């Protein structure tokens, strides 16, 4: 689990991002990463149609985690290897 997602449970506004198709545990983590990474994006995401909120949160979480890993240290090869 990503460090940011381990720190807290999502507030009710984040849960509005989630579909109810049984894949909620992964999407809860993605919503947490989204909220921690960009409160403005999380707020604007609520304007998306419900059917795309979960995928949007997952896409943001993937990009955020990939960016964090790529930024490890001064060695780009190390960051790329972490991906």
C-alpha atoms as a PDB file:
ATOM      1  CA  UNK A   1       0.000   0.000   0.000  1.00  0.00           C
ATOM      2  CA  UNK A   2       1.240   3.479  -0.821  1.00  0.00           C
ATOM      3  CA  UNK A   3       2.554   5.476   2.185  1.00  0.00           C
ATOM      4  CA  UNK A   4       0.052   8.299   1.753  1.00  0.00           C
ATOM      5  CA  UNK A   5      -2.872   5.889   1.643  1.00  0.00           C
ATOM      6  CA  UNK A   6      -1.800   4.256   4.913  1.00  0.00           C
ATOM      7  CA  UNK A   7      -1.980   7.516   6.842  1.00  0.00           C
ATOM      8  CA  UNK A   8      -5.723   8.062   6.984  1.00  0.00           C
ATOM      9  CA  UNK A   9      -9.178   6.970   5.901  1.00  0.00           C
ATOM     10  CA  UNK A  10     -10.896   8.891   3.115  1.00  0.00           C
ATOM     11  CA  UNK A  11     -13.419  11.560   4.035  1.00  0.00           C
ATOM     12  CA  UNK A  12     -16.954  11.153   2.745  1.00  0.00           C
ATOM     13  CA  UNK A  13     -16.281  13.448  -0.231  1.00  0.00           C
ATOM     14  CA  UNK A  14     -13.654  11.018  -1.504  1.00  0.00           C
ATOM     15  CA  UNK A  15     -16.024   8.089  -1.254  1.00  0.00           C
ATOM     16  CA  UNK A  16     -18.214   9.849  -3.812  1.00  0.00           C
ATOM     17  CA  UNK A  17     -15.433   9.096  -6.322  1.00  0.00           C
ATOM     18  CA  UNK A  18     -15.944   5.360  -5.967  1.00  0.00           C
ATOM     19  CA  UNK A  19     -18.121   2.974  -7.929  1.00  0.00           C
ATOM     20  CA  UNK A  20     -19.904   0.196  -6.071  1.00  0.00           C
ATOM     21  CA  UNK A  21     -18.833  -2.733  -8.240  1.00  0.00           C
ATOM     22  CA  UNK A  22     -16.753  -4.636  -5.666  1.00  0.00           C
ATOM     23  CA  UNK A  23     -13.371  -3.077  -6.479  1.00  0.00           C
ATOM     24  CA  UNK A  24     -13.638  -0.529  -3.703  1.00  0.00           C
ATOM     25  CA  UNK A  25     -10.536  -1.415  -1.676  1.00  0.00           C
ATOM     26  CA  UNK A  26      -8.198  -0.487  -4.530  1.00  0.00           C
ATOM     27  CA  UNK A  27     -10.267   2.544  -5.391  1.00  0.00           C
ATOM     28  CA  UNK A  28     -10.331   3.713  -1.771  1.00  0.00           C
ATOM     29  CA  UNK A  29      -6.533   3.711  -1.845  1.00  0.00           C
ATOM     30  CA  UNK A  30      -6.562   5.581  -5.179  1.00  0.00           C
ATOM     31  CA  UNK A  31      -8.997   8.152  -3.794  1.00  0.00           C
ATOM     32  CA  UNK A  32      -6.722   8.664  -0.785  1.00  0.00           C
ATOM     33  CA  UNK A  33      -3.721   9.228  -3.028  1.00  0.00           C
ATOM     34  CA  UNK A  34      -5.790  11.651  -5.111  1.00  0.00           C
ATOM     35  CA  UNK A  35      -6.934  13.627  -2.071  1.00  0.00           C
ATOM     36  CA  UNK A  36      -3.433  13.742  -0.589  1.00  0.00           C
ATOM     37  CA  UNK A  37      -1.801  14.658  -3.886  1.00  0.00           C
ATOM     38  CA  UNK A  38      -4.169  17.334  -5.134  1.00  0.00           C
ATOM     39  CA  UNK A  39      -7.129  18.647  -3.229  1.00  0.00           C
ATOM     40  CA  UNK A  40      -8.161  20.797  -6.191  1.00  0.00           C
ATOM     41  CA  UNK A  41      -8.151  17.824  -8.587  1.00  0.00           C
ATOM     42  CA  UNK A  42     -10.095  15.785  -6.039  1.00  0.00           C
ATOM     43  CA  UNK A  43     -12.712  18.531  -5.773  1.00  0.00           C
ATOM     44  CA  UNK A  44     -13.000  18.973  -9.539  1.00  0.00           C
ATOM     45  CA  UNK A  45     -13.243  15.194  -9.959  1.00  0.00           C
ATOM     46  CA  UNK A  46     -16.619  15.372  -8.260  1.00  0.00           C
ATOM     47  CA  UNK A  47     -17.879  17.174 -11.369  1.00  0.00           C
ATOM     48  CA  UNK A  48     -17.066  14.134 -13.511  1.00  0.00           C
ATOM     49  CA  UNK A  49     -19.818  11.650 -14.341  1.00  0.00           C
ATOM     50  CA  UNK A  50     -19.977   8.958 -11.637  1.00  0.00           C
ATOM     51  CA  UNK A  51     -18.993   6.252 -14.117  1.00  0.00           C
ATOM     52  CA  UNK A  52     -15.563   7.839 -14.682  1.00  0.00           C
ATOM     53  CA  UNK A  53     -14.717   9.006 -11.159  1.00  0.00           C
ATOM     54  CA  UNK A  54     -13.121   5.720 -10.111  1.00  0.00           C
ATOM     55  CA  UNK A  55     -11.049   5.369 -13.294  1.00  0.00           C
ATOM     56  CA  UNK A  56      -9.987   9.034 -13.008  1.00  0.00           C
ATOM     57  CA  UNK A  57      -8.857   8.481  -9.401  1.00  0.00           C
ATOM     58  CA  UNK A  58      -6.967   5.340 -10.446  1.00  0.00           C
ATOM     59  CA  UNK A  59      -5.260   7.167 -13.315  1.00  0.00           C
ATOM     60  CA  UNK A  60      -4.250  10.040 -11.037  1.00  0.00           C
ATOM     61  CA  UNK A  61      -2.940   7.613  -8.390  1.00  0.00           C
ATOM     62  CA  UNK A  62      -0.871   5.717 -10.959  1.00  0.00           C
ATOM     63  CA  UNK A  63       0.666   8.935 -12.275  1.00  0.00           C
ATOM     64  CA  UNK A  64       1.299  10.308  -8.763  1.00  0.00           C
ATOM     65  CA  UNK A  65       3.028   7.121  -7.552  1.00  0.00           C
ATOM     66  CA  UNK A  66       5.046   6.831 -10.793  1.00  0.00           C
ATOM     67  CA  UNK A  67       6.139  10.466 -10.472  1.00  0.00           C
ATOM     68  CA  UNK A  68       7.118   9.966  -6.826  1.00  0.00           C
ATOM     69  CA  UNK A  69       9.191   6.905  -7.737  1.00  0.00           C
ATOM     70  CA  UNK A  70      10.843   8.659 -10.685  1.00  0.00           C
ATOM     71  CA  UNK A  71      11.869  11.526  -8.411  1.00  0.00           C
ATOM     72  CA  UNK A  72      13.812   9.286  -6.005  1.00  0.00           C
ATOM     73  CA  UNK A  73      17.228  10.731  -5.293  1.00  0.00           C
ATOM     74  CA  UNK A  74      19.576  12.276  -7.812  1.00  0.00           C
ATOM     75  CA  UNK A  75      19.901   9.173  -9.986  1.00  0.00           C
ATOM     76  CA  UNK A  76      17.220   8.967 -12.710  1.00  0.00           C
ATOM     77  CA  UNK A  77      18.167   5.336 -13.367  1.00  0.00           C
ATOM     78  CA  UNK A  78      17.350   4.480  -9.749  1.00  0.00           C
ATOM     79  CA  UNK A  79      13.928   6.083 -10.066  1.00  0.00           C
ATOM     80  CA  UNK A  80      13.289   4.316 -13.370  1.00  0.00           C
ATOM     81  CA  UNK A  81      14.325   1.018 -11.798  1.00  0.00           C
ATOM     82  CA  UNK A  82      11.872   1.570  -8.956  1.00  0.00           C
ATOM     83  CA  UNK A  83       9.051   1.851 -11.478  1.00  0.00           C
END
